[in-house]
C-alpha atoms as a PDB file:
ATOM      1  CA  MET A   1      78.286-105.584 -15.364  1.00  0.00           C
ATOM      2  CA  ALA A   2      74.693-106.181 -16.809  1.00  0.00           C
ATOM      3  CA  PHE A   3      73.848-106.277 -20.393  1.00  0.00           C
ATOM      4  CA  ARG A   4      72.561-102.871 -21.839  1.00  0.00           C
ATOM      5  CA  ALA A   5      70.715-102.154 -24.930  1.00  0.00           C
ATOM      6  CA  ALA A   6      70.803 -98.919 -26.758  1.00  0.00           C
ATOM      7  CA  LYS A   7      67.389 -97.154 -26.801  1.00  0.00           C
ATOM      8  CA  GLU A   8      67.289 -96.636 -30.708  1.00  0.00           C
ATOM      9  CA  GLN A   9      64.460 -98.691 -32.232  1.00  0.00           C
ATOM     10  CA  ILE A  10      64.107-100.331 -35.795  1.00  0.00           C
ATOM     11  CA  VAL A  11      60.467-101.153 -36.714  1.00  0.00           C
ATOM     12  CA  LEU A  12      59.961-103.734 -39.505  1.00  0.00           C
ATOM     13  CA  ALA A  13      56.541-104.384 -40.955  1.00  0.00           C
ATOM     14  CA  GLY A  14      54.498-107.388 -39.569  1.00  0.00           C
ATOM     15  CA  PRO A  15      51.251-108.861 -40.966  1.00  0.00           C
ATOM     16  CA  HIS A  16      49.205-106.707 -38.700  1.00  0.00           C
ATOM     17  CA  HIS A  17      51.446-104.054 -36.955  1.00  0.00           C
ATOM     18  CA  GLY A  18      55.176-103.457 -36.796  1.00  0.00           C
ATOM     19  CA  ILE A  19      57.880-105.304 -34.915  1.00  0.00           C
ATOM     20  CA  SER A  20      60.141-103.298 -32.760  1.00  0.00           C
ATOM     21  CA  VAL A  21      63.786-104.243 -32.291  1.00  0.00           C
ATOM     22  CA  GLU A  22      65.744-102.249 -29.635  1.00  0.00           C
ATOM     23  CA  GLY A  23      69.411-101.913 -29.538  1.00  0.00           C
ATOM     24  CA  ALA A  24      70.480-103.221 -33.107  1.00  0.00           C
ATOM     25  CA  GLN A  25      71.849-100.053 -34.623  1.00  0.00           C
ATOM     26  CA  ALA A  26      75.373-101.456 -34.575  1.00  0.00           C
ATOM     27  CA  VAL A  27      74.514-104.702 -36.601  1.00  0.00           C
ATOM     28  CA  ALA A  28      71.873-102.865 -38.745  1.00  0.00           C
ATOM     29  CA  PRO A  29      74.253-102.878 -41.902  1.00  0.00           C
ATOM     30  CA  PHE A  30      74.655-106.845 -41.767  1.00  0.00           C
ATOM     31  CA  LEU A  31      70.842-107.254 -40.963  1.00  0.00           C
ATOM     32  CA  PHE A  32      69.674-105.274 -44.097  1.00  0.00           C
ATOM     33  CA  GLU A  33      72.111-107.287 -46.269  1.00  0.00           C
ATOM     34  CA  LEU A  34      70.116-110.342 -45.006  1.00  0.00           C
ATOM     35  CA  ILE A  35      66.715-108.823 -45.101  1.00  0.00           C
ATOM     36  CA  PRO A  36      67.231-105.873 -47.770  1.00  0.00           C
ATOM     37  CA  GLN A  37      63.331-105.591 -48.778  1.00  0.00           C
ATOM     38  CA  TRP A  38      61.770-105.831 -45.316  1.00  0.00           C
ATOM     39  CA  PRO A  39      59.730-102.580 -44.953  1.00  0.00           C
ATOM     40  CA  VAL A  40      60.844-100.342 -42.103  1.00  0.00           C
ATOM     41  CA  SER A  41      58.592 -97.843 -40.412  1.00  0.00           C
ATOM     42  CA  LYS A  42      58.983 -95.288 -37.688  1.00  0.00           C
ATOM     43  CA  PRO A  43      59.695 -96.391 -33.966  1.00  0.00           C
ATOM     44  CA  ARG A  44      56.407 -96.623 -31.820  1.00  0.00           C
ATOM     45  CA  VAL A  45      55.531 -94.049 -29.274  1.00  0.00           C
ATOM     46  CA  ALA A  46      54.475 -95.049 -25.747  1.00  0.00           C
ATOM     47  CA  GLY A  47      50.691 -94.719 -24.994  1.00  0.00           C
ATOM     48  CA  ALA A  48      49.088 -92.536 -22.495  1.00  0.00           C
ATOM     49  CA  GLN A  49      50.992 -93.871 -19.610  1.00  0.00           C
ATOM     50  CA  GLY A  50      54.410 -93.279 -21.014  1.00  0.00           C
ATOM     51  CA  SER A  51      55.874 -89.856 -20.775  1.00  0.00           C
ATOM     52  CA  GLU A  52      55.223 -87.644 -23.848  1.00  0.00           C
ATOM     53  CA  GLY A  53      57.520 -88.689 -26.840  1.00  0.00           C
ATOM     54  CA  SER A  54      59.158 -91.721 -25.046  1.00  0.00           C
ATOM     55  CA  VAL A  55      59.551 -94.851 -27.297  1.00  0.00           C
ATOM     56  CA  ALA A  56      57.650 -98.113 -26.467  1.00  0.00           C
ATOM     57  CA  PRO A  57      59.636-100.898 -25.351  1.00  0.00           C
ATOM     58  CA  GLY A  58      60.921-103.220 -27.972  1.00  0.00           C
ATOM     59  CA  ASP A  59      59.491-106.678 -29.035  1.00  0.00           C
ATOM     60  CA  ILE A  60      62.954-107.723 -29.554  1.00  0.00           C
ATOM     61  CA  ILE A  61      65.839-106.535 -27.601  1.00  0.00           C
ATOM     62  CA  VAL A  62      69.485-106.577 -28.691  1.00  0.00           C
ATOM     63  CA  GLN A  63      72.081-106.215 -25.881  1.00  0.00           C
ATOM     64  CA  ASN A  64      75.861-105.877 -25.830  1.00  0.00           C
ATOM     65  CA  LYS A  65      78.495-106.370 -23.310  1.00  0.00           C
ATOM     66  CA  GLY A  66      82.227-106.101 -24.083  1.00  0.00           C
ATOM     67  CA  GLY A  67      81.686-107.206 -27.628  1.00  0.00           C
ATOM     68  CA  HIS A  68      79.460-110.065 -26.637  1.00  0.00           C
ATOM     69  CA  TRP A  69      75.771-109.849 -27.683  1.00  0.00           C
ATOM     70  CA  ARG A  70      72.315-111.347 -26.434  1.00  0.00           C
ATOM     71  CA  ILE A  71      69.066-111.214 -28.123  1.00  0.00           C
ATOM     72  CA  SER A  72      65.870-111.279 -26.058  1.00  0.00           C
ATOM     73  CA  SER A  73      62.302-112.077 -27.411  1.00  0.00           C
ATOM     74  CA  ALA A  74      58.903-112.947 -26.240  1.00  0.00           C
ATOM     75  CA  HIS A  75      58.555-115.132 -29.215  1.00  0.00           C
ATOM     76  CA  MET A  76      61.725-117.055 -29.400  1.00  0.00           C
ATOM     77  CA  ALA A  77      63.843-118.551 -26.655  1.00  0.00           C
ATOM     78  CA  LEU A  78      67.118-116.676 -27.315  1.00  0.00           C
ATOM     79  CA  SER A  79      68.206-115.264 -23.883  1.00  0.00           C
ATOM     80  CA  ASP A  80      70.986-117.500 -23.338  1.00  0.00           C
ATOM     81  CA  TYR A  81      72.746-116.806 -26.666  1.00  0.00           C
ATOM     82  CA  ASP A  82      76.217-115.272 -26.391  1.00  0.00           C
ATOM     83  CA  LEU A  83      77.098-114.014 -29.738  1.00  0.00           C
ATOM     84  CA  ASP A  84      80.425-112.267 -30.618  1.00  0.00           C
ATOM     85  CA  ASP A  85      80.267-111.581 -34.400  1.00  0.00           C
ATOM     86  CA  GLY A  86      78.004-108.988 -35.944  1.00  0.00           C
ATOM     87  CA  TYR A  87      76.936-111.263 -38.837  1.00  0.00           C
ATOM     88  CA  MET A  88      75.788-113.909 -36.333  1.00  0.00           C
ATOM     89  CA  VAL A  89      73.948-111.296 -34.259  1.00  0.00           C
ATOM     90  CA  ALA A  90      72.173-110.118 -37.485  1.00  0.00           C
ATOM     91  CA  ASN A  91      71.323-113.728 -38.695  1.00  0.00           C
ATOM     92  CA  THR A  92      69.952-114.685 -35.177  1.00  0.00           C
ATOM     93  CA  LEU A  93      68.009-111.540 -35.236  1.00  0.00           C
ATOM     94  CA  VAL A  94      66.391-112.539 -38.495  1.00  0.00           C
ATOM     95  CA  GLY A  95      65.061-115.705 -36.795  1.00  0.00           C
ATOM     96  CA  ALA A  96      63.557-113.786 -33.981  1.00  0.00           C
ATOM     97  CA  LEU A  97      61.976-111.415 -36.528  1.00  0.00           C
ATOM     98  CA  ILE A  98      60.271-114.211 -38.394  1.00  0.00           C
ATOM     99  CA  ALA A  99      59.212-115.662 -34.996  1.00  0.00           C
ATOM    100  CA  ALA A 100      57.457-112.456 -33.998  1.00  0.00           C
ATOM    101  CA  TYR A 101      55.888-112.144 -37.666  1.00  0.00           C
ATOM    102  CA  VAL A 102      54.100-115.380 -37.422  1.00  0.00           C
ATOM    103  CA  ALA A 103      53.096-114.661 -33.803  1.00  0.00           C
ATOM    104  CA  GLN A 104      50.699-112.059 -35.201  1.00  0.00           C
ATOM    105  CA  GLY A 105      48.582-114.590 -37.063  1.00  0.00           C
ATOM    106  CA  ASP A 106      46.633-117.901 -35.875  1.00  0.00           C
ATOM    107  CA  GLY A 107      47.242-119.371 -39.350  1.00  0.00           C
ATOM    108  CA  LEU A 108      50.872-118.431 -39.845  1.00  0.00           C
ATOM    109  CA  VAL A 109      53.814-120.713 -39.186  1.00  0.00           C
ATOM    110  CA  SER A 110      57.390-120.604 -40.186  1.00  0.00           C
ATOM    111  CA  ILE A 111      59.058-123.676 -41.858  1.00  0.00           C
ATOM    112  CA  HIS A 112      62.757-124.592 -41.976  1.00  0.00           C
ATOM    113  CA  ALA A 113      62.890-125.347 -45.688  1.00  0.00           C
ATOM    114  CA  GLY A 114      63.890-124.139 -49.204  1.00  0.00           C
ATOM    115  CA  ALA A 115      61.348-123.239 -51.786  1.00  0.00           C
ATOM    116  CA  VAL A 116      61.213-122.611 -55.431  1.00  0.00           C
ATOM    117  CA  ARG A 117      58.309-121.973 -57.798  1.00  0.00           C
ATOM    118  CA  ILE A 118      57.979-124.753 -60.194  1.00  0.00           C
ATOM    119  CA  GLY A 119      55.014-124.720 -62.625  1.00  0.00           C
ATOM    120  CA  ASP A 120      52.012-123.005 -60.854  1.00  0.00           C
ATOM    121  CA  GLY A 121      53.210-123.291 -57.198  1.00  0.00           C
ATOM    122  CA  LEU A 122      55.838-123.877 -54.533  1.00  0.00           C
ATOM    123  CA  VAL A 123      57.946-126.941 -54.125  1.00  0.00           C
ATOM    124  CA  LEU A 124      59.369-126.909 -50.610  1.00  0.00           C
ATOM    125  CA  LEU A 125      62.672-128.639 -50.035  1.00  0.00           C
ATOM    126  CA  LEU A 126      62.920-129.972 -46.257  1.00  0.00           C
ATOM    127  CA  GLY A 127      65.769-131.803 -44.297  1.00  0.00           C
ATOM    128  CA  ASP A 128      68.219-131.675 -41.542  1.00  0.00           C
ATOM    129  CA  ASN A 129      71.136-129.144 -41.548  1.00  0.00           C
ATOM    130  CA  GLY A 130      73.642-130.424 -44.343  1.00  0.00           C
ATOM    131  CA  ALA A 131      70.932-132.148 -46.479  1.00  0.00           C
ATOM    132  CA  GLY A 132      71.627-129.482 -49.152  1.00  0.00           C
ATOM    133  CA  LYS A 133      68.654-127.164 -49.096  1.00  0.00           C
ATOM    134  CA  SER A 134      70.288-123.994 -49.883  1.00  0.00           C
ATOM    135  CA  THR A 135      72.431-125.685 -52.609  1.00  0.00           C
ATOM    136  CA  PHE A 136      69.369-126.991 -54.286  1.00  0.00           C
ATOM    137  CA  ALA A 137      67.158-123.967 -53.907  1.00  0.00           C
ATOM    138  CA  THR A 138      69.824-121.662 -55.445  1.00  0.00           C
ATOM    139  CA  LEU A 139      70.862-124.206 -57.938  1.00  0.00           C
ATOM    140  CA  LEU A 140      67.274-124.478 -59.168  1.00  0.00           C
ATOM    141  CA  ALA A 141      67.154-120.511 -59.276  1.00  0.00           C
ATOM    142  CA  SER A 142      70.412-120.580 -61.559  1.00  0.00           C
ATOM    143  CA  ARG A 143      68.366-122.842 -63.796  1.00  0.00           C
ATOM    144  CA  GLY A 144      65.662-120.269 -64.241  1.00  0.00           C
ATOM    145  CA  LEU A 145      63.107-121.101 -61.525  1.00  0.00           C
ATOM    146  CA  ARG A 146      61.872-118.527 -59.217  1.00  0.00           C
ATOM    147  CA  PHE A 147      63.624-118.568 -55.660  1.00  0.00           C
ATOM    148  CA  PHE A 148      61.600-118.153 -52.498  1.00  0.00           C
ATOM    149  CA  ALA A 149      63.757-119.036 -49.796  1.00  0.00           C
ATOM    150  CA  ASP A 150      66.707-121.393 -49.140  1.00  0.00           C
ATOM    151  CA  ASP A 151      66.304-121.832 -45.117  1.00  0.00           C
ATOM    152  CA  ARG A 152      62.995-120.183 -43.799  1.00  0.00           C
ATOM    153  CA  LEU A 153      59.625-119.559 -45.386  1.00  0.00           C
ATOM    154  CA  ILE A 154      56.342-118.112 -43.887  1.00  0.00           C
ATOM    155  CA  LEU A 155      53.235-120.396 -44.496  1.00  0.00           C
ATOM    156  CA  ASP A 156      49.750-119.309 -44.299  1.00  0.00           C
ATOM    157  CA  LEU A 157      47.689-122.347 -43.373  1.00  0.00           C
ATOM    158  CA  GLY A 158      44.382-120.307 -43.361  1.00  0.00           C
ATOM    159  CA  PRO A 159      41.428-120.987 -40.822  1.00  0.00           C
ATOM    160  CA  ALA A 160      41.704-124.341 -38.913  1.00  0.00           C
ATOM    161  CA  ALA A 161      38.942-125.768 -40.937  1.00  0.00           C
ATOM    162  CA  SER A 162      40.353-124.920 -44.199  1.00  0.00           C
ATOM    163  CA  THR A 163      41.119-127.468 -46.982  1.00  0.00           C
ATOM    164  CA  ALA A 164      42.714-125.074 -49.421  1.00  0.00           C
ATOM    165  CA  ALA A 165      46.370-125.455 -50.047  1.00  0.00           C
ATOM    166  CA  PRO A 166      48.620-123.610 -47.878  1.00  0.00           C
ATOM    167  CA  VAL A 167      50.412-120.671 -49.096  1.00  0.00           C
ATOM    168  CA  GLY A 168      53.898-119.814 -48.923  1.00  0.00           C
ATOM    169  CA  MET A 169      55.145-116.291 -48.546  1.00  0.00           C
ATOM    170  CA  SER A 170      58.599-114.950 -49.114  1.00  0.00           C
ATOM    171  CA  LEU A 171      60.264-112.433 -46.977  1.00  0.00           C
ATOM    172  CA  ALA A 172      63.159-111.856 -49.288  1.00  0.00           C
ATOM    173  CA  VAL A 173      65.717-113.222 -46.955  1.00  0.00           C
ATOM    174  CA  ALA A 174      69.009-113.533 -48.585  1.00  0.00           C
ATOM    175  CA  PRO A 175      70.192-117.199 -49.284  1.00  0.00           C
ATOM    176  CA  LYS A 176      73.469-118.311 -47.775  1.00  0.00           C
ATOM    177  CA  LEU A 177      75.972-120.865 -49.002  1.00  0.00           C
ATOM    178  CA  ARG A 178      78.673-122.822 -47.621  1.00  0.00           C
ATOM    179  CA  LEU A 179      82.051-122.366 -49.437  1.00  0.00           C
ATOM    180  CA  PRO A 180      83.940-123.589 -51.240  1.00  0.00           C
ATOM    181  CA  LEU A 181      81.137-124.854 -53.485  1.00  0.00           C
ATOM    182  CA  PRO A 182      80.854-128.432 -54.230  1.00  0.00           C
ATOM    183  CA  ARG A 183      83.492-129.775 -56.536  1.00  0.00           C
ATOM    184  CA  ASN A 184      81.020-130.954 -59.126  1.00  0.00           C
ATOM    185  CA  ALA A 185      79.335-127.465 -59.213  1.00  0.00           C
ATOM    186  CA  ASP A 186      79.017-126.660 -63.052  1.00  0.00           C
ATOM    187  CA  ALA A 187      80.106-123.127 -64.396  1.00  0.00           C
ATOM    188  CA  ARG A 188      76.470-122.180 -64.754  1.00  0.00           C
ATOM    189  CA  TYR A 189      75.919-122.374 -61.035  1.00  0.00           C
ATOM    190  CA  ARG A 190      79.295-120.887 -60.270  1.00  0.00           C
ATOM    191  CA  ASP A 191      78.756-117.974 -62.435  1.00  0.00           C
ATOM    192  CA  PHE A 192      75.253-117.376 -60.591  1.00  0.00           C
ATOM    193  CA  VAL A 193      76.786-117.469 -57.082  1.00  0.00           C
ATOM    194  CA  ALA A 194      79.697-115.169 -58.272  1.00  0.00           C
ATOM    195  CA  GLU A 195      77.237-112.666 -59.663  1.00  0.00           C
ATOM    196  CA  HIS A 196      74.829-112.457 -56.849  1.00  0.00           C
ATOM    197  CA  SER A 197      77.263-112.601 -53.883  1.00  0.00           C
ATOM    198  CA  VAL A 198      77.018-109.613 -51.573  1.00  0.00           C
ATOM    199  CA  MET A 199      79.146-110.785 -48.617  1.00  0.00           C
ATOM    200  CA  THR A 200      81.560-113.497 -48.627  1.00  0.00           C
ATOM    201  CA  TRP A 201      83.849-115.230 -45.979  1.00  0.00           C
ATOM    202  CA  PRO A 202      86.284-118.220 -46.543  1.00  0.00           C
ATOM    203  CA  GLU A 203      83.700-120.505 -45.423  1.00  0.00           C
ATOM    204  CA  MET A 204      80.298-118.869 -46.512  1.00  0.00           C
ATOM    205  CA  ALA A 205      78.600-116.324 -49.054  1.00  0.00           C
ATOM    206  CA  VAL A 206      75.407-114.302 -48.958  1.00  0.00           C
ATOM    207  CA  LEU A 207      73.656-113.872 -52.050  1.00  0.00           C
ATOM    208  CA  ARG A 208      71.255-111.316 -53.499  1.00  0.00           C
ATOM    209  CA  PRO A 209      69.472-112.650 -56.471  1.00  0.00           C
ATOM    210  CA  GLY A 210      67.805-110.011 -58.686  1.00  0.00           C
ATOM    211  CA  PRO A 211      64.025-109.597 -59.163  1.00  0.00           C
ATOM    212  CA  ALA A 212      64.111-111.399 -62.084  1.00  0.00           C
ATOM    213  CA  GLN A 213      65.222-114.695 -60.132  1.00  0.00           C
ATOM    214  CA  ALA A 214      63.922-114.040 -56.686  1.00  0.00           C
ATOM    215  CA  ALA A 215      60.482-113.492 -55.104  1.00  0.00           C
ATOM    216  CA  GLY A 216      60.061-110.065 -53.383  1.00  0.00           C
ATOM    217  CA  PHE A 217      58.942-109.388 -49.943  1.00  0.00           C
ATOM    218  CA  GLY A 218      55.323-110.641 -49.478  1.00  0.00           C
ATOM    219  CA  GLU A 219      55.271-112.380 -52.771  1.00  0.00           C
ATOM    220  CA  ALA A 220      53.119-115.678 -52.279  1.00  0.00           C
ATOM    221  CA  LEU A 221      52.108-118.633 -54.027  1.00  0.00           C
ATOM    222  CA  PRO A 222      50.200-121.787 -53.097  1.00  0.00           C
ATOM    223  CA  VAL A 223      52.215-124.703 -51.906  1.00  0.00           C
ATOM    224  CA  ARG A 224      52.256-127.547 -54.456  1.00  0.00           C
ATOM    225  CA  ALA A 225      54.592-130.319 -53.010  1.00  0.00           C
ATOM    226  CA  LEU A 226      56.835-131.071 -50.035  1.00  0.00           C
ATOM    227  CA  ILE A 227      60.190-132.895 -50.755  1.00  0.00           C
ATOM    228  CA  HIS A 228      62.454-134.475 -48.189  1.00  0.00           C
ATOM    229  CA  LEU A 229      66.060-134.392 -49.185  1.00  0.00           C
ATOM    230  CA  ARG A 230      67.993-137.481 -48.330  1.00  0.00           C
ATOM    231  CA  ARG A 231      71.640-136.901 -49.596  1.00  0.00           C
ATOM    232  CA  GLY A 232      73.977-139.624 -49.442  1.00  0.00           C
ATOM    233  CA  GLU A 233      76.791-141.198 -51.466  1.00  0.00           C
ATOM    234  CA  GLU A 234      74.892-144.609 -51.733  1.00  0.00           C
ATOM    235  CA  ALA A 235      72.320-142.794 -54.190  1.00  0.00           C
ATOM    236  CA  SER A 236      73.996-143.437 -57.354  1.00  0.00           C
ATOM    237  CA  GLN A 237      71.112-142.056 -59.503  1.00  0.00           C
ATOM    238  CA  PRO A 238      68.435-139.566 -58.036  1.00  0.00           C
ATOM    239  CA  VAL A 239      65.435-141.342 -56.946  1.00  0.00           C
ATOM    240  CA  LEU A 240      62.091-139.504 -56.280  1.00  0.00           C
ATOM    241  CA  THR A 241      59.478-141.365 -54.556  1.00  0.00           C
ATOM    242  CA  ALA A 242      56.036-140.814 -52.713  1.00  0.00           C
ATOM    243  CA  MET A 243      56.311-140.655 -48.964  1.00  0.00           C
ATOM    244  CA  ARG A 244      54.257-141.898 -46.242  1.00  0.00           C
ATOM    245  CA  ARG A 245      52.176-139.104 -44.721  1.00  0.00           C
ATOM    246  CA  PRO A 246      53.014-140.371 -41.042  1.00  0.00           C
ATOM    247  CA  ASP A 247      56.713-139.935 -41.980  1.00  0.00           C
ATOM    248  CA  MET A 248      56.229-136.543 -43.467  1.00  0.00           C
ATOM    249  CA  VAL A 249      54.361-135.518 -40.344  1.00  0.00           C
ATOM    250  CA  ARG A 250      57.316-136.575 -38.006  1.00  0.00           C
ATOM    251  CA  LEU A 251      59.661-134.795 -40.350  1.00  0.00           C
ATOM    252  CA  LEU A 252      57.574-131.511 -40.216  1.00  0.00           C
ATOM    253  CA  LEU A 253      57.191-131.590 -36.533  1.00  0.00           C
ATOM    254  CA  GLU A 254      61.013-130.977 -36.535  1.00  0.00           C
ATOM    255  CA  GLN A 255      61.043-128.179 -39.137  1.00  0.00           C
ATOM    256  CA  LEU A 256      58.007-126.187 -38.399  1.00  0.00           C
ATOM    257  CA  PHE A 257      57.898-123.395 -36.030  1.00  0.00           C
ATOM    258  CA  ALA A 258      54.849-121.852 -34.444  1.00  0.00           C
ATOM    259  CA  PRO A 259      55.136-121.501 -30.718  1.00  0.00           C
ATOM    260  CA  HIS A 260      52.066-119.334 -30.336  1.00  0.00           C
ATOM    261  CA  LEU A 261      49.928-122.350 -31.677  1.00  0.00           C
ATOM    262  CA  GLY A 262      51.235-124.526 -28.678  1.00  0.00           C
ATOM    263  CA  GLN A 263      52.179-128.310 -29.199  1.00  0.00           C
ATOM    264  CA  GLN A 264      48.783-129.363 -30.283  1.00  0.00           C
ATOM    265  CA  GLY A 265      48.335-126.691 -32.677  1.00  0.00           C
ATOM    266  CA  GLU A 266      51.861-127.238 -34.102  1.00  0.00           C
ATOM    267  CA  LEU A 267      50.976-130.895 -34.576  1.00  0.00           C
ATOM    268  CA  SER A 268      47.569-130.065 -36.268  1.00  0.00           C
ATOM    269  CA  ALA A 269      49.404-127.668 -38.543  1.00  0.00           C
ATOM    270  CA  CYS A 270      51.759-130.308 -39.561  1.00  0.00           C
ATOM    271  CA  VAL A 271      49.016-132.873 -40.212  1.00  0.00           C
ATOM    272  CA  ARG A 272      47.121-130.291 -42.267  1.00  0.00           C
ATOM    273  CA  LEU A 273      50.265-129.632 -44.407  1.00  0.00           C
ATOM    274  CA  ALA A 274      51.122-133.174 -45.053  1.00  0.00           C
ATOM    275  CA  GLN A 275      47.520-133.782 -46.123  1.00  0.00           C
ATOM    276  CA  ALA A 276      46.954-130.729 -48.465  1.00  0.00           C
ATOM    277  CA  VAL A 277      49.803-131.306 -51.037  1.00  0.00           C
ATOM    278  CA  GLY A 278      51.994-133.878 -52.619  1.00  0.00           C
ATOM    279  CA  ILE A 279      54.857-135.433 -50.320  1.00  0.00           C
ATOM    280  CA  TRP A 280      57.885-136.934 -51.635  1.00  0.00           C
ATOM    281  CA  GLN A 281      61.409-138.075 -50.672  1.00  0.00           C
ATOM    282  CA  LEU A 282      64.344-137.483 -52.987  1.00  0.00           C
ATOM    283  CA  ARG A 283      67.463-139.686 -52.430  1.00  0.00           C
ATOM    284  CA  TYR A 284      70.527-138.103 -54.435  1.00  0.00           C
ATOM    285  CA  ALA A 285      74.153-137.879 -54.142  1.00  0.00           C
ATOM    286  CA  SER A 286      74.693-134.685 -56.191  1.00  0.00           C
ATOM    287  CA  ALA A 287      72.030-131.809 -56.600  1.00  0.00           C
ATOM    288  CA  PHE A 288      73.495-131.062 -59.995  1.00  0.00           C
ATOM    289  CA  GLU A 289      72.446-134.472 -61.038  1.00  0.00           C
ATOM    290  CA  ALA A 290      69.092-134.307 -59.103  1.00  0.00           C
ATOM    291  CA  ALA A 291      67.884-130.949 -60.311  1.00  0.00           C
ATOM    292  CA  ASP A 292      66.649-132.196 -63.528  1.00  0.00           C
ATOM    293  CA  THR A 293      64.593-134.978 -61.810  1.00  0.00           C
ATOM    294  CA  VAL A 294      62.898-132.377 -59.682  1.00  0.00           C
ATOM    295  CA  ILE A 295      62.113-129.980 -62.539  1.00  0.00           C
ATOM    296  CA  SER A 296      60.659-132.741 -64.870  1.00  0.00           C
ATOM    297  CA  GLN A 297      58.468-133.931 -61.952  1.00  0.00           C
ATOM    298  CA  PHE A 298      56.716-130.878 -61.255  1.00  0.00           C
ATOM    299  CA  ASP A 299      56.939-128.828 -64.318  1.00  0.00           C
ATOM    300  CA  GLY A 300      53.366-128.508 -65.238  1.00  0.00           C
ATOM    301  CA  ARG A 301      52.283-132.025 -64.160  1.00  0.00           C
ATOM    302  CA  GLU A 302      49.827-132.754 -61.109  1.00  0.00           C
ATOM    303  CA  SER A 303      51.050-134.030 -57.775  1.00  0.00           C
ATOM    304  CA  PRO A 304      49.592-137.058 -56.475  1.00  0.00           C
END
């Protein structure tokens, strides 16, 4: 039996036109817990060649077969996914939506990073899975800094010849944390997580910080610095050091997503980003000890 998609569409705002999702009604409650502020518009109607009143084909198609789900998108290789959980379908769908969003602009890319406002701009937190991006970003938010992202952020690099600082833009995607929280998490952080949790499982919590703590959809600021998080027990004290640009470019090639630019375009984007802002590496054992190091470094002072 072939996978089938329901014909109902959800159309979400893109930078230039809507992004249509077909067949996602069953997972919509999960989806809008993850992207509660993403604007929704009416489904697109087919053009002159379609029948009157017919709905145009979706940019992203969600299909179900016997409780197993598949997501297809022209902008992201997802067709081999076999998902059997509504939350996982919705979370994967968010990735496909972000890919479709950046595909609408030559200067737009997506980066796998956390981001908070410190001083007059954004500090991005980069690292592999397990490096602590979500914990670090939400910890800084619990300390009063404005949360922009814990995992995925839109960057506008501007025209290819631009030397201006890239701009980071929030899509107000809900942060997600592994549970249980670290044993050394302080009461202030535990209270922040408890107050803002909207979905919880034994192994994970989805948060929704309020407008006083987190950027809204489309809120944007220039990027001020990139920090490569290197967590390890050997770091007895947090150490923040300047990072070599070739090393940062290699890291960015693993974390930056812009398939519409092609391989050479992605490389150029990584080089431009590494040249435009301060680049750092943070070695630390505990985010709760390292947070003050990051805040003091970027609180009103210039990056190198």
